[in-house]
Amino acid sequence: YCAAREIVPGRGRPPLWADEYEYWGQGTQVT
């Protein structure tokens, strides 16, 4: 899945946890 969220000012590292992201794609299977 790809995910996105607006950045938090002053936070350099991207969020690491799923519940920190607001927007999601539908997913693509990799086997």
ModelCIF file with pLDDT and N, C-alpha, C, O atoms, coordinates in Angstrom:
data_MODEL
#
_entry.id   MODEL 
#
_entity.id                         1 
_entity.type                       polymer 
_entity.pdbx_number_of_molecules   1 
#
_entity_poly.entity_id                      1 
_entity_poly.type                           'polypeptide(L)' 
_entity_poly.nstd_linkage                   no 
_entity_poly.nstd_monomer                   no 
_entity_poly.pdbx_seq_one_letter_code       YCAAREIVPGRGRPPLWADEYEYWGQGTQVT 
_entity_poly.pdbx_seq_one_letter_code_can   YCAAREIVPGRGRPPLWADEYEYWGQGTQVT 
_entity_poly.pdbx_strand_id                 A 
#
loop_
_entity_poly_seq.entity_id 
_entity_poly_seq.num 
_entity_poly_seq.mon_id 
_entity_poly_seq.hetero 
1 1  TYR n 
1 2  CYS n 
1 3  ALA n 
1 4  ALA n 
1 5  ARG n 
1 6  GLU n 
1 7  ILE n 
1 8  VAL n 
1 9  PRO n 
1 10 GLY n 
1 11 ARG n 
1 12 GLY n 
1 13 ARG n 
1 14 PRO n 
1 15 PRO n 
1 16 LEU n 
1 17 TRP n 
1 18 ALA n 
1 19 ASP n 
1 20 GLU n 
1 21 TYR n 
1 22 GLU n 
1 23 TYR n 
1 24 TRP n 
1 25 GLY n 
1 26 GLN n 
1 27 GLY n 
1 28 THR n 
1 29 GLN n 
1 30 VAL n 
1 31 THR n 
#
_struct_asym.id          A 
_struct_asym.entity_id   1 
#
loop_
_ma_qa_metric.id 
_ma_qa_metric.mode 
_ma_qa_metric.name 
_ma_qa_metric.software_group_id 
_ma_qa_metric.type 
1 global pLDDT . pLDDT 
2 local  pLDDT . pLDDT 
#
_ma_qa_metric_global.metric_id      1 
_ma_qa_metric_global.metric_value   93.48 
_ma_qa_metric_global.model_id       1 
_ma_qa_metric_global.ordinal_id     1 
#
loop_
_ma_qa_metric_local.label_asym_id 
_ma_qa_metric_local.label_comp_id 
_ma_qa_metric_local.label_seq_id 
_ma_qa_metric_local.metric_id 
_ma_qa_metric_local.metric_value 
_ma_qa_metric_local.model_id 
_ma_qa_metric_local.ordinal_id 
A TYR 1  2 98.00 1 1  
A CYS 2  2 98.00 1 2  
A ALA 3  2 98.00 1 3  
A ALA 4  2 97.00 1 4  
A ARG 5  2 95.00 1 5  
A GLU 6  2 93.00 1 6  
A ILE 7  2 89.00 1 7  
A VAL 8  2 81.00 1 8  
A PRO 9  2 79.00 1 9  
A GLY 10 2 77.00 1 10 
A ARG 11 2 79.00 1 11 
A GLY 12 2 85.00 1 12 
A ARG 13 2 90.00 1 13 
A PRO 14 2 94.00 1 14 
A PRO 15 2 94.00 1 15 
A LEU 16 2 95.00 1 16 
A TRP 17 2 96.00 1 17 
A ALA 18 2 97.00 1 18 
A ASP 19 2 96.00 1 19 
A GLU 20 2 95.00 1 20 
A TYR 21 2 97.00 1 21 
A GLU 22 2 96.00 1 22 
A TYR 23 2 97.00 1 23 
A TRP 24 2 98.00 1 24 
A GLY 25 2 98.00 1 25 
A GLN 26 2 97.00 1 26 
A GLY 27 2 97.00 1 27 
A THR 28 2 98.00 1 28 
A GLN 29 2 98.00 1 29 
A VAL 30 2 98.00 1 30 
A THR 31 2 98.00 1 31 
#
loop_
_atom_site.group_PDB 
_atom_site.id 
_atom_site.type_symbol 
_atom_site.label_atom_id 
_atom_site.label_alt_id 
_atom_site.label_comp_id 
_atom_site.label_asym_id 
_atom_site.label_entity_id 
_atom_site.label_seq_id 
_atom_site.pdbx_PDB_ins_code 
_atom_site.Cartn_x 
_atom_site.Cartn_y 
_atom_site.Cartn_z 
_atom_site.occupancy 
_atom_site.B_iso_or_equiv 
_atom_site.pdbx_formal_charge 
_atom_site.auth_seq_id 
_atom_site.auth_comp_id 
_atom_site.auth_asym_id 
_atom_site.auth_atom_id 
_atom_site.pdbx_PDB_model_num 
ATOM 1   N N  . TYR A 1 1  ? 0.833  -1.193  0.000  1.00 98.00 ? 1  TYR A N  1 
ATOM 2   C CA . TYR A 1 1  ? 0.000  0.000   0.000  1.00 98.00 ? 1  TYR A CA 1 
ATOM 3   C C  . TYR A 1 1  ? 0.874  1.252   0.000  1.00 98.00 ? 1  TYR A C  1 
ATOM 4   O O  . TYR A 1 1  ? 1.935  1.276   0.625  1.00 98.00 ? 1  TYR A O  1 
ATOM 5   N N  . CYS A 1 2  ? 0.429  2.281   -0.697 1.00 98.00 ? 2  CYS A N  1 
ATOM 6   C CA . CYS A 1 2  ? 1.056  3.581   -0.510 1.00 98.00 ? 2  CYS A CA 1 
ATOM 7   C C  . CYS A 1 2  ? 0.175  4.426   0.389  1.00 98.00 ? 2  CYS A C  1 
ATOM 8   O O  . CYS A 1 2  ? -1.045 4.268   0.415  1.00 98.00 ? 2  CYS A O  1 
ATOM 9   N N  . ALA A 1 3  ? 0.807  5.320   1.120  1.00 98.00 ? 3  ALA A N  1 
ATOM 10  C CA . ALA A 1 3  ? 0.112  6.128   2.116  1.00 98.00 ? 3  ALA A CA 1 
ATOM 11  C C  . ALA A 1 3  ? 0.682  7.538   2.133  1.00 98.00 ? 3  ALA A C  1 
ATOM 12  O O  . ALA A 1 3  ? 1.822  7.764   1.726  1.00 98.00 ? 3  ALA A O  1 
ATOM 13  N N  . ALA A 1 4  ? -0.122 8.480   2.608  1.00 97.00 ? 4  ALA A N  1 
ATOM 14  C CA . ALA A 1 4  ? 0.315  9.876   2.652  1.00 97.00 ? 4  ALA A CA 1 
ATOM 15  C C  . ALA A 1 4  ? -0.338 10.598  3.820  1.00 97.00 ? 4  ALA A C  1 
ATOM 16  O O  . ALA A 1 4  ? -1.421 10.233  4.278  1.00 97.00 ? 4  ALA A O  1 
ATOM 17  N N  . ARG A 1 5  ? 0.348  11.626  4.284  1.00 95.00 ? 5  ARG A N  1 
ATOM 18  C CA . ARG A 1 5  ? -0.213 12.522  5.288  1.00 95.00 ? 5  ARG A CA 1 
ATOM 19  C C  . ARG A 1 5  ? 0.502  13.860  5.169  1.00 95.00 ? 5  ARG A C  1 
ATOM 20  O O  . ARG A 1 5  ? 1.632  13.916  4.684  1.00 95.00 ? 5  ARG A O  1 
ATOM 21  N N  . GLU A 1 6  ? -0.128 14.912  5.596  1.00 93.00 ? 6  GLU A N  1 
ATOM 22  C CA . GLU A 1 6  ? 0.539  16.208  5.611  1.00 93.00 ? 6  GLU A CA 1 
ATOM 23  C C  . GLU A 1 6  ? 1.656  16.159  6.638  1.00 93.00 ? 6  GLU A C  1 
ATOM 24  O O  . GLU A 1 6  ? 1.528  15.538  7.693  1.00 93.00 ? 6  GLU A O  1 
ATOM 25  N N  . ILE A 1 7  ? 2.758  16.829  6.310  1.00 89.00 ? 7  ILE A N  1 
ATOM 26  C CA . ILE A 1 7  ? 3.901  16.770  7.207  1.00 89.00 ? 7  ILE A CA 1 
ATOM 27  C C  . ILE A 1 7  ? 3.616  17.520  8.508  1.00 89.00 ? 7  ILE A C  1 
ATOM 28  O O  . ILE A 1 7  ? 2.827  18.464  8.552  1.00 89.00 ? 7  ILE A O  1 
ATOM 29  N N  . VAL A 1 8  ? 4.274  17.072  9.537  1.00 81.00 ? 8  VAL A N  1 
ATOM 30  C CA . VAL A 1 8  ? 4.214  17.743  10.835 1.00 81.00 ? 8  VAL A CA 1 
ATOM 31  C C  . VAL A 1 8  ? 5.391  18.709  10.888 1.00 81.00 ? 8  VAL A C  1 
ATOM 32  O O  . VAL A 1 8  ? 6.537  18.273  10.780 1.00 81.00 ? 8  VAL A O  1 
ATOM 33  N N  . PRO A 1 9  ? 5.146  20.010  11.052 1.00 79.00 ? 9  PRO A N  1 
ATOM 34  C CA . PRO A 1 9  ? 6.249  20.968  11.078 1.00 79.00 ? 9  PRO A CA 1 
ATOM 35  C C  . PRO A 1 9  ? 7.297  20.607  12.113 1.00 79.00 ? 9  PRO A C  1 
ATOM 36  O O  . PRO A 1 9  ? 6.967  20.287  13.255 1.00 79.00 ? 9  PRO A O  1 
ATOM 37  N N  . GLY A 1 10 ? 8.529  20.657  11.724 1.00 77.00 ? 10 GLY A N  1 
ATOM 38  C CA . GLY A 1 10 ? 9.628  20.380  12.639 1.00 77.00 ? 10 GLY A CA 1 
ATOM 39  C C  . GLY A 1 10 ? 9.984  18.919  12.781 1.00 77.00 ? 10 GLY A C  1 
ATOM 40  O O  . GLY A 1 10 ? 10.958 18.579  13.453 1.00 77.00 ? 10 GLY A O  1 
ATOM 41  N N  . ARG A 1 11 ? 9.214  18.056  12.164 1.00 79.00 ? 11 ARG A N  1 
ATOM 42  C CA . ARG A 1 11 ? 9.502  16.624  12.247 1.00 79.00 ? 11 ARG A CA 1 
ATOM 43  C C  . ARG A 1 11 ? 10.199 16.198  10.971 1.00 79.00 ? 11 ARG A C  1 
ATOM 44  O O  . ARG A 1 11 ? 9.599  16.227  9.896  1.00 79.00 ? 11 ARG A O  1 
ATOM 45  N N  . GLY A 1 12 ? 11.457 15.802  11.075 1.00 85.00 ? 12 GLY A N  1 
ATOM 46  C CA . GLY A 1 12 ? 12.218 15.464  9.888  1.00 85.00 ? 12 GLY A CA 1 
ATOM 47  C C  . GLY A 1 12 ? 11.961 14.070  9.376  1.00 85.00 ? 12 GLY A C  1 
ATOM 48  O O  . GLY A 1 12 ? 11.863 13.856  8.168  1.00 85.00 ? 12 GLY A O  1 
ATOM 49  N N  . ARG A 1 13 ? 11.851 13.105  10.296 1.00 90.00 ? 13 ARG A N  1 
ATOM 50  C CA . ARG A 1 13 ? 11.700 11.720  9.871  1.00 90.00 ? 13 ARG A CA 1 
ATOM 51  C C  . ARG A 1 13 ? 10.249 11.460  9.481  1.00 90.00 ? 13 ARG A C  1 
ATOM 52  O O  . ARG A 1 13 ? 9.332  11.973  10.121 1.00 90.00 ? 13 ARG A O  1 
ATOM 53  N N  . PRO A 1 14 ? 10.040 10.668  8.436  1.00 94.00 ? 14 PRO A N  1 
ATOM 54  C CA . PRO A 1 14 ? 8.658  10.334  8.077  1.00 94.00 ? 14 PRO A CA 1 
ATOM 55  C C  . PRO A 1 14 ? 8.013  9.486   9.164  1.00 94.00 ? 14 PRO A C  1 
ATOM 56  O O  . PRO A 1 14 ? 8.714  8.744   9.853  1.00 94.00 ? 14 PRO A O  1 
ATOM 57  N N  . PRO A 1 15 ? 6.702  9.576   9.337  1.00 94.00 ? 15 PRO A N  1 
ATOM 58  C CA . PRO A 1 15 ? 6.008  8.723   10.313 1.00 94.00 ? 15 PRO A CA 1 
ATOM 59  C C  . PRO A 1 15 ? 6.227  7.256   9.971  1.00 94.00 ? 15 PRO A C  1 
ATOM 60  O O  . PRO A 1 15 ? 6.327  6.886   8.801  1.00 94.00 ? 15 PRO A O  1 
ATOM 61  N N  . LEU A 1 16 ? 6.300  6.423   11.011 1.00 95.00 ? 16 LEU A N  1 
ATOM 62  C CA . LEU A 1 16 ? 6.636  5.018   10.814 1.00 95.00 ? 16 LEU A CA 1 
ATOM 63  C C  . LEU A 1 16 ? 5.445  4.083   10.971 1.00 95.00 ? 16 LEU A C  1 
ATOM 64  O O  . LEU A 1 16 ? 5.523  2.920   10.574 1.00 95.00 ? 16 LEU A O  1 
ATOM 65  N N  . TRP A 1 17 ? 4.344  4.566   11.541 1.00 96.00 ? 17 TRP A N  1 
ATOM 66  C CA . TRP A 1 17 ? 3.233  3.690   11.886 1.00 96.00 ? 17 TRP A CA 1 
ATOM 67  C C  . TRP A 1 17 ? 2.018  3.956   11.023 1.00 96.00 ? 17 TRP A C  1 
ATOM 68  O O  . TRP A 1 17 ? 1.746  5.095   10.645 1.00 96.00 ? 17 TRP A O  1 
ATOM 69  N N  . ALA A 1 18 ? 1.291  2.895   10.716 1.00 97.00 ? 18 ALA A N  1 
ATOM 70  C CA . ALA A 1 18 ? 0.161  2.988   9.801  1.00 97.00 ? 18 ALA A CA 1 
ATOM 71  C C  . ALA A 1 18 ? -0.882 3.992   10.293 1.00 97.00 ? 18 ALA A C  1 
ATOM 72  O O  . ALA A 1 18 ? -1.461 4.724   9.490  1.00 97.00 ? 18 ALA A O  1 
ATOM 73  N N  . ASP A 1 19 ? -1.125 4.033   11.607 1.00 96.00 ? 19 ASP A N  1 
ATOM 74  C CA . ASP A 1 19 ? -2.185 4.910   12.105 1.00 96.00 ? 19 ASP A CA 1 
ATOM 75  C C  . ASP A 1 19 ? -1.797 6.390   12.072 1.00 96.00 ? 19 ASP A C  1 
ATOM 76  O O  . ASP A 1 19 ? -2.604 7.256   12.410 1.00 96.00 ? 19 ASP A O  1 
ATOM 77  N N  . GLU A 1 20 ? -0.560 6.674   11.663 1.00 95.00 ? 20 GLU A N  1 
ATOM 78  C CA . GLU A 1 20 ? -0.131 8.064   11.509 1.00 95.00 ? 20 GLU A CA 1 
ATOM 79  C C  . GLU A 1 20 ? -0.437 8.602   10.120 1.00 95.00 ? 20 GLU A C  1 
ATOM 80  O O  . GLU A 1 20 ? -0.298 9.801   9.877  1.00 95.00 ? 20 GLU A O  1 
ATOM 81  N N  . TYR A 1 21 ? -0.848 7.739   9.215  1.00 97.00 ? 21 TYR A N  1 
ATOM 82  C CA . TYR A 1 21 ? -1.140 8.147   7.847  1.00 97.00 ? 21 TYR A CA 1 
ATOM 83  C C  . TYR A 1 21 ? -2.640 8.267   7.627  1.00 97.00 ? 21 TYR A C  1 
ATOM 84  O O  . TYR A 1 21 ? -3.423 7.441   8.097  1.00 97.00 ? 21 TYR A O  1 
ATOM 85  N N  . GLU A 1 22 ? -3.020 9.306   6.906  1.00 96.00 ? 22 GLU A N  1 
ATOM 86  C CA . GLU A 1 22 ? -4.434 9.609   6.726  1.00 96.00 ? 22 GLU A CA 1 
ATOM 87  C C  . GLU A 1 22 ? -5.005 9.050   5.426  1.00 96.00 ? 22 GLU A C  1 
ATOM 88  O O  . GLU A 1 22 ? -6.183 8.700   5.352  1.00 96.00 ? 22 GLU A O  1 
ATOM 89  N N  . TYR A 1 23 ? -4.169 8.972   4.420  1.00 97.00 ? 23 TYR A N  1 
ATOM 90  C CA . TYR A 1 23 ? -4.662 8.591   3.094  1.00 97.00 ? 23 TYR A CA 1 
ATOM 91  C C  . TYR A 1 23 ? -3.977 7.309   2.626  1.00 97.00 ? 23 TYR A C  1 
ATOM 92  O O  . TYR A 1 23 ? -2.780 7.114   2.834  1.00 97.00 ? 23 TYR A O  1 
ATOM 93  N N  . TRP A 1 24 ? -4.762 6.443   1.991  1.00 98.00 ? 24 TRP A N  1 
ATOM 94  C CA . TRP A 1 24 ? -4.278 5.134   1.566  1.00 98.00 ? 24 TRP A CA 1 
ATOM 95  C C  . TRP A 1 24 ? -4.772 4.780   0.173  1.00 98.00 ? 24 TRP A C  1 
ATOM 96  O O  . TRP A 1 24 ? -5.858 5.179   -0.247 1.00 98.00 ? 24 TRP A O  1 
ATOM 97  N N  . GLY A 1 25 ? -3.938 4.017   -0.531 1.00 98.00 ? 25 GLY A N  1 
ATOM 98  C CA . GLY A 1 25 ? -4.374 3.413   -1.770 1.00 98.00 ? 25 GLY A CA 1 
ATOM 99  C C  . GLY A 1 25 ? -5.072 2.096   -1.486 1.00 98.00 ? 25 GLY A C  1 
ATOM 100 O O  . GLY A 1 25 ? -5.232 1.700   -0.331 1.00 98.00 ? 25 GLY A O  1 
ATOM 101 N N  . GLN A 1 26 ? -5.486 1.423   -2.547 1.00 97.00 ? 26 GLN A N  1 
ATOM 102 C CA . GLN A 1 26 ? -6.258 0.193   -2.402 1.00 97.00 ? 26 GLN A CA 1 
ATOM 103 C C  . GLN A 1 26 ? -5.370 -1.044  -2.276 1.00 97.00 ? 26 GLN A C  1 
ATOM 104 O O  . GLN A 1 26 ? -5.843 -2.115  -1.895 1.00 97.00 ? 26 GLN A O  1 
ATOM 105 N N  . GLY A 1 27 ? -4.098 -0.897  -2.593 1.00 97.00 ? 27 GLY A N  1 
ATOM 106 C CA . GLY A 1 27 ? -3.161 -2.006  -2.455 1.00 97.00 ? 27 GLY A CA 1 
ATOM 107 C C  . GLY A 1 27 ? -2.910 -2.738  -3.752 1.00 97.00 ? 27 GLY A C  1 
ATOM 108 O O  . GLY A 1 27 ? -3.764 -2.771  -4.639 1.00 97.00 ? 27 GLY A O  1 
ATOM 109 N N  . THR A 1 28 ? -1.729 -3.326  -3.858 1.00 98.00 ? 28 THR A N  1 
ATOM 110 C CA . THR A 1 28 ? -1.360 -4.154  -5.009 1.00 98.00 ? 28 THR A CA 1 
ATOM 111 C C  . THR A 1 28 ? -0.606 -5.371  -4.487 1.00 98.00 ? 28 THR A C  1 
ATOM 112 O O  . THR A 1 28 ? 0.272  -5.252  -3.632 1.00 98.00 ? 28 THR A O  1 
ATOM 113 N N  . GLN A 1 29 ? -0.960 -6.540  -5.011 1.00 98.00 ? 29 GLN A N  1 
ATOM 114 C CA . GLN A 1 29 ? -0.386 -7.792  -4.511 1.00 98.00 ? 29 GLN A CA 1 
ATOM 115 C C  . GLN A 1 29 ? 0.974  -8.035  -5.147 1.00 98.00 ? 29 GLN A C  1 
ATOM 116 O O  . GLN A 1 29 ? 1.137  -7.915  -6.361 1.00 98.00 ? 29 GLN A O  1 
ATOM 117 N N  . VAL A 1 30 ? 1.941  -8.375  -4.315 1.00 98.00 ? 30 VAL A N  1 
ATOM 118 C CA . VAL A 1 30 ? 3.255  -8.811  -4.772 1.00 98.00 ? 30 VAL A CA 1 
ATOM 119 C C  . VAL A 1 30 ? 3.468  -10.226 -4.243 1.00 98.00 ? 30 VAL A C  1 
ATOM 120 O O  . VAL A 1 30 ? 3.386  -10.471 -3.039 1.00 98.00 ? 30 VAL A O  1 
ATOM 121 N N  . THR A 1 31 ? 3.741  -11.148 -5.156 1.00 98.00 ? 31 THR A N  1 
ATOM 122 C CA . THR A 1 31 ? 3.985  -12.532 -4.782 1.00 98.00 ? 31 THR A CA 1 
ATOM 123 C C  . THR A 1 31 ? 5.352  -12.941 -5.307 1.00 98.00 ? 31 THR A C  1 
ATOM 124 O O  . THR A 1 31 ? 5.774  -14.080 -5.108 1.00 98.00 ? 31 THR A O  1 
#
